C-alpha atoms as a PDB file:
ATOM      1  CA  MET A   1     105.769-101.556 -20.928  1.00  0.00           C
ATOM      2  CA  ASN A   2     103.255-104.378 -21.046  1.00  0.00           C
ATOM      3  CA  TYR A   3      99.785-103.884 -22.514  1.00  0.00           C
ATOM      4  CA  ILE A   4      96.732-105.503 -20.927  1.00  0.00           C
ATOM      5  CA  THR A   5      93.304-105.502 -22.545  1.00  0.00           C
ATOM      6  CA  SER A   6      91.557-108.474 -20.925  1.00  0.00           C
ATOM      7  CA  PRO A   7      89.663-108.233 -17.612  1.00  0.00           C
ATOM      8  CA  ASN A   8      90.541-111.911 -17.097  1.00  0.00           C
ATOM      9  CA  ASN A   9      94.245-111.144 -16.857  1.00  0.00           C
ATOM     10  CA  ASN A  10      95.610-112.489 -13.544  1.00  0.00           C
ATOM     11  CA  THR A  11      97.555-109.305 -12.813  1.00  0.00           C
ATOM     12  CA  VAL A  12      94.383-107.247 -13.159  1.00  0.00           C
ATOM     13  CA  LYS A  13      92.453-109.659 -10.940  1.00  0.00           C
ATOM     14  CA  GLU A  14      95.119-109.401  -8.226  1.00  0.00           C
ATOM     15  CA  VAL A  15      94.976-105.602  -8.155  1.00  0.00           C
ATOM     16  CA  LYS A  16      91.187-105.630  -7.886  1.00  0.00           C
ATOM     17  CA  GLN A  17      91.441-107.988  -4.901  1.00  0.00           C
ATOM     18  CA  LEU A  18      93.662-105.475  -3.090  1.00  0.00           C
ATOM     19  CA  LYS A  19      90.522-103.446  -2.409  1.00  0.00           C
ATOM     20  CA  GLU A  20      89.780-106.049   0.281  1.00  0.00           C
ATOM     21  CA  ARG A  21      91.590-105.855   3.646  1.00  0.00           C
ATOM     22  CA  ARG A  22      91.918-109.620   3.948  1.00  0.00           C
ATOM     23  CA  TYR A  23      93.730-109.876   0.636  1.00  0.00           C
ATOM     24  CA  ARG A  24      95.983-106.885   1.397  1.00  0.00           C
ATOM     25  CA  GLU A  25      97.038-108.497   4.666  1.00  0.00           C
ATOM     26  CA  GLU A  26      97.508-111.909   3.053  1.00  0.00           C
ATOM     27  CA  LYS A  27      99.741-110.548   0.273  1.00  0.00           C
ATOM     28  CA  GLY A  28     101.397-107.705   2.194  1.00  0.00           C
ATOM     29  CA  LEU A  29     100.488-105.312  -0.621  1.00  0.00           C
ATOM     30  CA  PHE A  30      98.354-102.222  -1.150  1.00  0.00           C
ATOM     31  CA  PHE A  31      97.805 -99.738  -3.947  1.00  0.00           C
ATOM     32  CA  ILE A  32      97.837 -95.989  -4.360  1.00  0.00           C
ATOM     33  CA  GLU A  33      96.419 -93.984  -7.222  1.00  0.00           C
ATOM     34  CA  GLY A  34      96.531 -90.529  -8.725  1.00  0.00           C
ATOM     35  CA  SER A  35      99.396 -88.388  -9.991  1.00  0.00           C
ATOM     36  CA  ARG A  36     100.022 -86.639  -6.698  1.00  0.00           C
ATOM     37  CA  PHE A  37     100.137 -89.828  -4.662  1.00  0.00           C
ATOM     38  CA  VAL A  38     102.450 -91.613  -7.092  1.00  0.00           C
ATOM     39  CA  GLU A  39     104.616 -88.476  -7.181  1.00  0.00           C
ATOM     40  CA  GLU A  40     104.891 -88.614  -3.371  1.00  0.00           C
ATOM     41  CA  ALA A  41     105.950 -92.264  -3.534  1.00  0.00           C
ATOM     42  CA  VAL A  42     108.637 -91.472  -6.094  1.00  0.00           C
ATOM     43  CA  LYS A  43     109.921 -88.532  -4.019  1.00  0.00           C
ATOM     44  CA  GLU A  44     110.148 -90.786  -0.951  1.00  0.00           C
ATOM     45  CA  ASN A  45     112.111 -93.342  -2.995  1.00  0.00           C
ATOM     46  CA  ILE A  46     109.456 -96.024  -2.536  1.00  0.00           C
ATOM     47  CA  THR A  47     109.879 -99.143  -4.659  1.00  0.00           C
ATOM     48  CA  LEU A  48     106.780 -99.872  -6.732  1.00  0.00           C
ATOM     49  CA  ASN A  49     105.921-103.529  -7.283  1.00  0.00           C
ATOM     50  CA  LYS A  50     103.772-102.684 -10.267  1.00  0.00           C
ATOM     51  CA  LEU A  51     102.758 -99.497 -12.055  1.00  0.00           C
ATOM     52  CA  PHE A  52      99.491 -99.275 -14.005  1.00  0.00           C
ATOM     53  CA  ILE A  53      98.709 -96.518 -16.500  1.00  0.00           C
ATOM     54  CA  SER A  54      95.607 -95.956 -18.595  1.00  0.00           C
ATOM     55  CA  GLU A  55      95.936 -95.433 -22.346  1.00  0.00           C
ATOM     56  CA  LYS A  56      94.606 -91.893 -21.972  1.00  0.00           C
ATOM     57  CA  PHE A  57      97.136 -91.038 -19.255  1.00  0.00           C
ATOM     58  CA  ALA A  58      99.977 -92.546 -21.274  1.00  0.00           C
ATOM     59  CA  SER A  59      99.053 -90.540 -24.379  1.00  0.00           C
ATOM     60  CA  ASP A  60      99.212 -87.161 -22.593  1.00  0.00           C
ATOM     61  CA  ALA A  61     102.634 -85.545 -23.095  1.00  0.00           C
ATOM     62  CA  ASP A  62     102.284 -83.705 -19.777  1.00  0.00           C
ATOM     63  CA  ASN A  63     102.525 -87.055 -18.001  1.00  0.00           C
ATOM     64  CA  GLU A  64     105.725 -88.261 -19.670  1.00  0.00           C
ATOM     65  CA  ASP A  65     108.062 -87.139 -16.897  1.00  0.00           C
ATOM     66  CA  LEU A  66     106.065 -88.755 -14.083  1.00  0.00           C
ATOM     67  CA  ILE A  67     105.613 -91.960 -16.079  1.00  0.00           C
ATOM     68  CA  HIS A  68     109.364 -92.128 -16.714  1.00  0.00           C
ATOM     69  CA  ARG A  69     110.328 -91.517 -13.076  1.00  0.00           C
ATOM     70  CA  ALA A  70     107.661 -93.853 -11.687  1.00  0.00           C
ATOM     71  CA  SER A  71     108.549 -96.602 -14.172  1.00  0.00           C
ATOM     72  CA  SER A  72     112.182 -96.389 -13.072  1.00  0.00           C
ATOM     73  CA  LYS A  73     111.023 -97.223  -9.523  1.00  0.00           C
ATOM     74  CA  SER A  74     108.750-100.063 -10.620  1.00  0.00           C
ATOM     75  CA  HIS A  75     109.497-103.745 -11.207  1.00  0.00           C
ATOM     76  CA  ASP A  76     106.821-103.864 -13.927  1.00  0.00           C
ATOM     77  CA  THR A  77     104.806-101.256 -15.801  1.00  0.00           C
ATOM     78  CA  PHE A  78     101.482-101.984 -17.478  1.00  0.00           C
ATOM     79  CA  VAL A  79      99.288 -99.946 -19.816  1.00  0.00           C
ATOM     80  CA  LEU A  80      95.569-100.729 -19.559  1.00  0.00           C
ATOM     81  CA  THR A  81      92.611 -99.725 -21.682  1.00  0.00           C
ATOM     82  CA  ASP A  82      90.707 -96.853 -20.096  1.00  0.00           C
ATOM     83  CA  LYS A  83      87.756 -99.148 -19.398  1.00  0.00           C
ATOM     84  CA  LEU A  84      89.946-101.739 -17.700  1.00  0.00           C
ATOM     85  CA  PHE A  85      91.761 -99.122 -15.649  1.00  0.00           C
ATOM     86  CA  LYS A  86      88.433 -97.870 -14.339  1.00  0.00           C
ATOM     87  CA  GLU A  87      87.659-101.403 -13.146  1.00  0.00           C
ATOM     88  CA  ILE A  88      90.787-101.631 -10.980  1.00  0.00           C
ATOM     89  CA  SER A  89      90.471 -98.071  -9.659  1.00  0.00           C
ATOM     90  CA  ASP A  90      88.823 -97.280  -6.332  1.00  0.00           C
ATOM     91  CA  THR A  91      87.629 -93.842  -7.458  1.00  0.00           C
ATOM     92  CA  GLY A  92      84.709 -92.873  -9.642  1.00  0.00           C
ATOM     93  CA  ASN A  93      86.788 -90.683 -11.930  1.00  0.00           C
ATOM     94  CA  PRO A  94      90.329 -92.123 -11.958  1.00  0.00           C
ATOM     95  CA  GLN A  95      93.262 -90.020 -13.131  1.00  0.00           C
ATOM     96  CA  GLY A  96      94.851 -92.971 -14.887  1.00  0.00           C
ATOM     97  CA  ILE A  97      97.882 -93.927 -12.794  1.00  0.00           C
ATOM     98  CA  LEU A  98      98.039 -96.508  -9.995  1.00  0.00           C
ATOM     99  CA  ALA A  99     100.883 -98.273  -8.197  1.00  0.00           C
ATOM    100  CA  VAL A 100     101.065-101.445  -6.100  1.00  0.00           C
ATOM    101  CA  ILE A 101     103.441-101.227  -3.134  1.00  0.00           C
ATOM    102  CA  SER A 102     104.650-103.633  -0.440  1.00  0.00           C
ATOM    103  CA  VAL A 103     103.493-102.987   3.117  1.00  0.00           C
ATOM    104  CA  LYS A 104     106.352-101.841   5.352  1.00  0.00           C
ATOM    105  CA  GLN A 105     106.210-103.612   8.698  1.00  0.00           C
ATOM    106  CA  TYR A 106     107.300-101.763  11.851  1.00  0.00           C
ATOM    107  CA  LEU A 107     107.879-103.278  15.276  1.00  0.00           C
ATOM    108  CA  LEU A 108     107.415-101.378  18.517  1.00  0.00           C
ATOM    109  CA  HIS A 109     111.102-101.395  19.436  1.00  0.00           C
ATOM    110  CA  ASP A 110     111.890 -99.831  16.050  1.00  0.00           C
ATOM    111  CA  VAL A 111     110.107 -96.591  16.970  1.00  0.00           C
ATOM    112  CA  LEU A 112     111.073 -96.016  20.609  1.00  0.00           C
ATOM    113  CA  ASN A 113     113.900 -93.584  21.303  1.00  0.00           C
ATOM    114  CA  ASP A 114     115.037 -90.833  23.677  1.00  0.00           C
ATOM    115  CA  ASN A 115     112.771 -88.242  22.090  1.00  0.00           C
ATOM    116  CA  SER A 116     109.639 -90.234  21.303  1.00  0.00           C
ATOM    117  CA  PHE A 117     106.448 -88.398  20.373  1.00  0.00           C
ATOM    118  CA  ILE A 118     103.844 -91.115  19.909  1.00  0.00           C
ATOM    119  CA  ILE A 119     100.135 -91.239  19.119  1.00  0.00           C
ATOM    120  CA  LEU A 120      98.282 -94.356  20.303  1.00  0.00           C
ATOM    121  CA  LEU A 121      94.980 -95.074  18.575  1.00  0.00           C
ATOM    122  CA  ASP A 122      92.419 -97.167  20.442  1.00  0.00           C
ATOM    123  CA  ALA A 123      90.120 -98.694  17.802  1.00  0.00           C
ATOM    124  CA  ILE A 124      89.859 -95.706  15.454  1.00  0.00           C
ATOM    125  CA  GLN A 125      87.441 -96.976  12.807  1.00  0.00           C
ATOM    126  CA  ASP A 126      86.622 -94.084  10.489  1.00  0.00           C
ATOM    127  CA  PRO A 127      88.916 -94.016   7.413  1.00  0.00           C
ATOM    128  CA  GLY A 128      88.785 -90.219   7.191  1.00  0.00           C
ATOM    129  CA  ASN A 129      89.795 -89.831  10.830  1.00  0.00           C
ATOM    130  CA  MET A 130      92.632 -92.324  10.516  1.00  0.00           C
ATOM    131  CA  GLY A 131      94.010 -90.682   7.390  1.00  0.00           C
ATOM    132  CA  THR A 132      93.743 -87.187   8.839  1.00  0.00           C
ATOM    133  CA  ILE A 133      95.483 -88.255  12.060  1.00  0.00           C
ATOM    134  CA  ILE A 134      98.361 -89.768  10.057  1.00  0.00           C
ATOM    135  CA  ARG A 135      98.668 -86.625   7.941  1.00  0.00           C
ATOM    136  CA  THR A 136      98.535 -84.323  10.986  1.00  0.00           C
ATOM    137  CA  ALA A 137     101.046 -86.487  12.853  1.00  0.00           C
ATOM    138  CA  ASP A 138     103.428 -86.196   9.913  1.00  0.00           C
ATOM    139  CA  ALA A 139     103.045 -82.404   9.920  1.00  0.00           C
ATOM    140  CA  ALA A 140     103.502 -82.210  13.702  1.00  0.00           C
ATOM    141  CA  GLY A 141     106.697 -84.246  13.813  1.00  0.00           C
ATOM    142  CA  VAL A 142     105.212 -87.263  15.592  1.00  0.00           C
ATOM    143  CA  THR A 143     107.766 -90.090  15.598  1.00  0.00           C
ATOM    144  CA  ALA A 144     105.282 -92.982  15.369  1.00  0.00           C
ATOM    145  CA  ILE A 145     101.643 -94.039  15.489  1.00  0.00           C
ATOM    146  CA  ILE A 146     100.527 -97.213  17.232  1.00  0.00           C
ATOM    147  CA  ALA A 147      97.141 -98.553  16.131  1.00  0.00           C
ATOM    148  CA  SER A 148      95.276-101.103  18.222  1.00  0.00           C
ATOM    149  CA  LYS A 149      93.491-104.198  17.037  1.00  0.00           C
ATOM    150  CA  GLY A 150      90.069-103.089  15.836  1.00  0.00           C
ATOM    151  CA  SER A 151      91.381 -99.978  14.100  1.00  0.00           C
ATOM    152  CA  VAL A 152      90.632 -99.394  10.440  1.00  0.00           C
ATOM    153  CA  ASP A 153      93.316-100.688   8.068  1.00  0.00           C
ATOM    154  CA  ILE A 154      95.702 -97.832   7.242  1.00  0.00           C
ATOM    155  CA  TYR A 155      95.995 -99.229   3.710  1.00  0.00           C
ATOM    156  CA  ASN A 156      92.273 -98.859   3.106  1.00  0.00           C
ATOM    157  CA  PRO A 157      92.066 -96.700  -0.069  1.00  0.00           C
ATOM    158  CA  LYS A 158      89.977 -94.047   1.724  1.00  0.00           C
ATOM    159  CA  VAL A 159      92.540 -93.824   4.535  1.00  0.00           C
ATOM    160  CA  LEU A 160      95.373 -93.545   2.042  1.00  0.00           C
ATOM    161  CA  ARG A 161      93.698 -90.710   0.153  1.00  0.00           C
ATOM    162  CA  SER A 162      93.226 -88.817   3.426  1.00  0.00           C
ATOM    163  CA  THR A 163      96.923 -89.166   4.319  1.00  0.00           C
ATOM    164  CA  MET A 164      97.956 -87.276   1.164  1.00  0.00           C
ATOM    165  CA  GLY A 165     101.220 -89.251   1.083  1.00  0.00           C
ATOM    166  CA  SER A 166     102.079 -88.944   4.780  1.00  0.00           C
ATOM    167  CA  VAL A 167     101.715 -92.729   5.105  1.00  0.00           C
ATOM    168  CA  PHE A 168     105.166 -92.979   3.502  1.00  0.00           C
ATOM    169  CA  ARG A 169     106.827 -90.782   6.116  1.00  0.00           C
ATOM    170  CA  ILE A 170     105.517 -91.855   9.509  1.00  0.00           C
ATOM    171  CA  PRO A 171     105.884 -95.345  10.997  1.00  0.00           C
ATOM    172  CA  VAL A 172     102.618 -97.031  11.967  1.00  0.00           C
ATOM    173  CA  VAL A 173     102.877-100.009  14.317  1.00  0.00           C
ATOM    174  CA  HIS A 174      99.943-102.427  14.524  1.00  0.00           C
ATOM    175  CA  SER A 175      99.424-103.763  18.033  1.00  0.00           C
ATOM    176  CA  GLU A 176      97.374-106.868  18.823  1.00  0.00           C
ATOM    177  CA  ASN A 177      97.402-105.871  22.505  1.00  0.00           C
ATOM    178  CA  ILE A 178      97.673-102.136  23.060  1.00  0.00           C
ATOM    179  CA  GLU A 179      97.823-102.519  26.847  1.00  0.00           C
ATOM    180  CA  SER A 180     100.998-104.594  26.465  1.00  0.00           C
ATOM    181  CA  ALA A 181     102.357-102.031  24.020  1.00  0.00           C
ATOM    182  CA  ILE A 182     101.744 -99.247  26.546  1.00  0.00           C
ATOM    183  CA  ALA A 183     103.553-101.248  29.237  1.00  0.00           C
ATOM    184  CA  GLU A 184     106.557-101.600  26.932  1.00  0.00           C
ATOM    185  CA  ILE A 185     106.476 -97.901  26.067  1.00  0.00           C
ATOM    186  CA  LYS A 186     106.514 -97.000  29.759  1.00  0.00           C
ATOM    187  CA  LYS A 187     109.683 -99.069  30.244  1.00  0.00           C
ATOM    188  CA  HIS A 188     111.415 -96.531  27.993  1.00  0.00           C
ATOM    189  CA  GLY A 189     110.497 -93.651  30.289  1.00  0.00           C
ATOM    190  CA  ILE A 190     107.717 -92.375  28.052  1.00  0.00           C
ATOM    191  CA  LYS A 191     104.783 -90.710  29.809  1.00  0.00           C
ATOM    192  CA  ILE A 192     101.325 -91.755  28.643  1.00  0.00           C
ATOM    193  CA  TYR A 193      98.477 -89.234  28.429  1.00  0.00           C
ATOM    194  CA  ALA A 194      94.905 -90.145  27.498  1.00  0.00           C
ATOM    195  CA  ALA A 195      92.372 -87.698  26.057  1.00  0.00           C
ATOM    196  CA  HIS A 196      89.340 -88.437  28.224  1.00  0.00           C
ATOM    197  CA  LEU A 197      86.050 -86.791  29.197  1.00  0.00           C
ATOM    198  CA  ASP A 198      86.949 -87.521  32.837  1.00  0.00           C
ATOM    199  CA  GLY A 199      90.352 -85.897  32.463  1.00  0.00           C
ATOM    200  CA  GLU A 200      91.873 -84.384  35.588  1.00  0.00           C
ATOM    201  CA  THR A 201      93.524 -81.386  33.920  1.00  0.00           C
ATOM    202  CA  ASP A 202      93.024 -79.314  30.778  1.00  0.00           C
ATOM    203  CA  TYR A 203      95.470 -80.499  28.126  1.00  0.00           C
ATOM    204  CA  PHE A 204      97.124 -77.068  27.822  1.00  0.00           C
ATOM    205  CA  ASN A 205      97.915 -76.858  31.542  1.00  0.00           C
ATOM    206  CA  ILE A 206     100.327 -79.784  31.529  1.00  0.00           C
ATOM    207  CA  ASP A 207     104.078 -79.534  30.956  1.00  0.00           C
ATOM    208  CA  TYR A 208     104.740 -82.437  28.607  1.00  0.00           C
ATOM    209  CA  PRO A 209     108.181 -84.101  28.815  1.00  0.00           C
ATOM    210  CA  SER A 210     110.276 -84.723  25.702  1.00  0.00           C
ATOM    211  CA  ASN A 211     109.192 -88.369  25.786  1.00  0.00           C
ATOM    212  CA  SER A 212     105.384 -88.354  25.522  1.00  0.00           C
ATOM    213  CA  ALA A 213     102.614 -90.530  24.122  1.00  0.00           C
ATOM    214  CA  PHE A 214      98.935 -89.663  23.692  1.00  0.00           C
ATOM    215  CA  ILE A 215      95.979 -92.039  23.498  1.00  0.00           C
ATOM    216  CA  ILE A 216      93.054 -91.161  21.224  1.00  0.00           C
ATOM    217  CA  GLY A 217      89.893 -93.218  21.582  1.00  0.00           C
ATOM    218  CA  ASN A 218      87.257 -94.730  19.357  1.00  0.00           C
ATOM    219  CA  GLU A 219      84.852 -92.274  17.708  1.00  0.00           C
ATOM    220  CA  ALA A 220      81.725 -93.679  19.360  1.00  0.00           C
ATOM    221  CA  ASN A 221      82.961 -95.065  22.671  1.00  0.00           C
ATOM    222  CA  GLY A 222      86.130 -93.147  23.447  1.00  0.00           C
ATOM    223  CA  ILE A 223      89.071 -94.864  25.129  1.00  0.00           C
ATOM    224  CA  SER A 224      88.253 -98.253  26.616  1.00  0.00           C
ATOM    225  CA  ASP A 225      88.492 -98.524  30.401  1.00  0.00           C
ATOM    226  CA  SER A 226      91.305-101.075  30.207  1.00  0.00           C
ATOM    227  CA  VAL A 227      93.393 -98.760  28.028  1.00  0.00           C
ATOM    228  CA  ALA A 228      92.565 -95.608  30.013  1.00  0.00           C
ATOM    229  CA  SER A 229      93.752 -97.327  33.188  1.00  0.00           C
ATOM    230  CA  CYS A 230      97.199 -97.718  31.609  1.00  0.00           C
ATOM    231  CA  ALA A 231      97.674 -93.955  31.209  1.00  0.00           C
ATOM    232  CA  ASP A 232      99.817 -91.903  33.581  1.00  0.00           C
ATOM    233  CA  MET A 233      97.270 -89.101  33.357  1.00  0.00           C
ATOM    234  CA  LEU A 234      93.837 -88.472  31.884  1.00  0.00           C
ATOM    235  CA  VAL A 235      93.674 -85.072  30.207  1.00  0.00           C
ATOM    236  CA  LYS A 236      90.613 -83.208  29.047  1.00  0.00           C
ATOM    237  CA  ILE A 237      89.877 -80.885  26.185  1.00  0.00           C
ATOM    238  CA  PRO A 238      87.499 -78.245  27.553  1.00  0.00           C
ATOM    239  CA  MET A 239      84.210 -77.906  25.695  1.00  0.00           C
ATOM    240  CA  PRO A 240      82.250 -74.926  27.048  1.00  0.00           C
ATOM    241  CA  GLY A 241      79.670 -75.344  24.299  1.00  0.00           C
ATOM    242  CA  LYS A 242      76.932 -77.957  24.028  1.00  0.00           C
ATOM    243  CA  ALA A 243      78.726 -80.617  21.977  1.00  0.00           C
ATOM    244  CA  GLU A 244      79.383 -83.771  23.971  1.00  0.00           C
ATOM    245  CA  SER A 245      82.588 -84.756  22.210  1.00  0.00           C
ATOM    246  CA  LEU A 246      85.115 -83.788  19.546  1.00  0.00           C
ATOM    247  CA  ASN A 247      86.011 -85.541  16.323  1.00  0.00           C
ATOM    248  CA  ALA A 248      88.914 -87.927  17.033  1.00  0.00           C
ATOM    249  CA  SER A 249      91.209 -86.301  14.478  1.00  0.00           C
ATOM    250  CA  ILE A 250      90.520 -82.833  15.924  1.00  0.00           C
ATOM    251  CA  ALA A 251      91.290 -84.039  19.450  1.00  0.00           C
ATOM    252  CA  ALA A 252      94.514 -85.601  18.220  1.00  0.00           C
ATOM    253  CA  ALA A 253      95.516 -82.405  16.408  1.00  0.00           C
ATOM    254  CA  LEU A 254      94.948 -80.245  19.500  1.00  0.00           C
ATOM    255  CA  LEU A 255      97.203 -82.474  21.604  1.00  0.00           C
ATOM    256  CA  MET A 256      99.910 -82.703  18.951  1.00  0.00           C
ATOM    257  CA  TYR A 257     100.104 -78.972  18.432  1.00  0.00           C
ATOM    258  CA  GLU A 258     100.161 -78.267  22.156  1.00  0.00           C
ATOM    259  CA  VAL A 259     103.321 -80.376  22.300  1.00  0.00           C
ATOM    260  CA  ILE A 260     104.771 -78.356  19.410  1.00  0.00           C
ATOM    261  CA  ARG A 261     103.875 -75.081  21.134  1.00  0.00           C
ATOM    262  CA  GLN A 262     105.608 -76.140  24.326  1.00  0.00           C
ATOM    263  CA  ARG A 263     108.685 -77.434  22.533  1.00  0.00           C
ATOM    264  CA  ASN A 264     109.029 -74.198  20.580  1.00  0.00           C
ATOM    265  CA  MET A 265     108.811 -72.179  23.801  1.00  0.00           C
ATOM    266  CA  LYS A 266     111.718 -74.181  25.232  1.00  0.00           C
ATOM    267  CA  LEU A 267     114.028 -73.507  22.288  1.00  0.00           C
END
C-alpha cells in the first residue's frame, strides 16, 4: 500500500477531477465509493484501476476482508489521511473506501439479440431517475439501456449511488443519434413502444413480443416528436387522478414489469 498525505499529490488531483463529466469522458474513468459499492464491484469481478482507503477505514479490523479482496482486484492501493480522503469524496460523510474504474464501452450491435428487452432513454436528465431506471432494469431482466445525447452521464456520482451497483450488470449504450439507433434496432425485428400522453392503447392491453424496446422521455418535455415518430406504437399509462404526468423512473418501471408479467404468464 502507498501512503499519501499531500493534497498536491497528482494521483489525488486526478481523482478529484473525476467529479467532472468532461474529465471522466476524457480519461474514460469514473469512481465509486462506499463499502457496499466496492463490494459489488469485487463480486462482479471488476478490475479496479486504483483503490483509496482512509486511515480510519484501514485501522478498523472489520474492514480487513474487504480491503484484502478489493486490493487484490486493484492495480494500486493508496491509504490517505482522513482529511485528504474527505477532499476526494463526493459525499458529506464518506465511509472511507473509494475505487477508480475504467468505463466499459458498449456498441449497439453488442446488445441486440433474438430476445432483446431494451429501454431507450430520450434525454433523461435527473441523476436520481437515471440511476433508478438502471437499477430497476437490472432487476427486471432488461438486456440493455440506450441513452440519447443530452442524457445525464451514467457515471455521475449521484447516478451511480442510485444504481446500487446495477451499473456493473446492465449494458448502457450511449447514442449520439437515437433516431438512427432506433432504425438499427428495428432491422433486428424489435418492436418499439413509446410511453406517450397521446398513446393509442393502455400499456397493459398490449401483447408485447419477445423482442421489445420501450422509449422513456425527458422529465420536463417527454419524448421528442422526432423520436416518438420512430415508434411502432405510442402507449399510454392511464392516470385517472389529477396529476399530469408520472416520474420517468416510475413510468419505466410500470412498462418493464408489465413485460415480466406477460412473460411469466407464457411460461
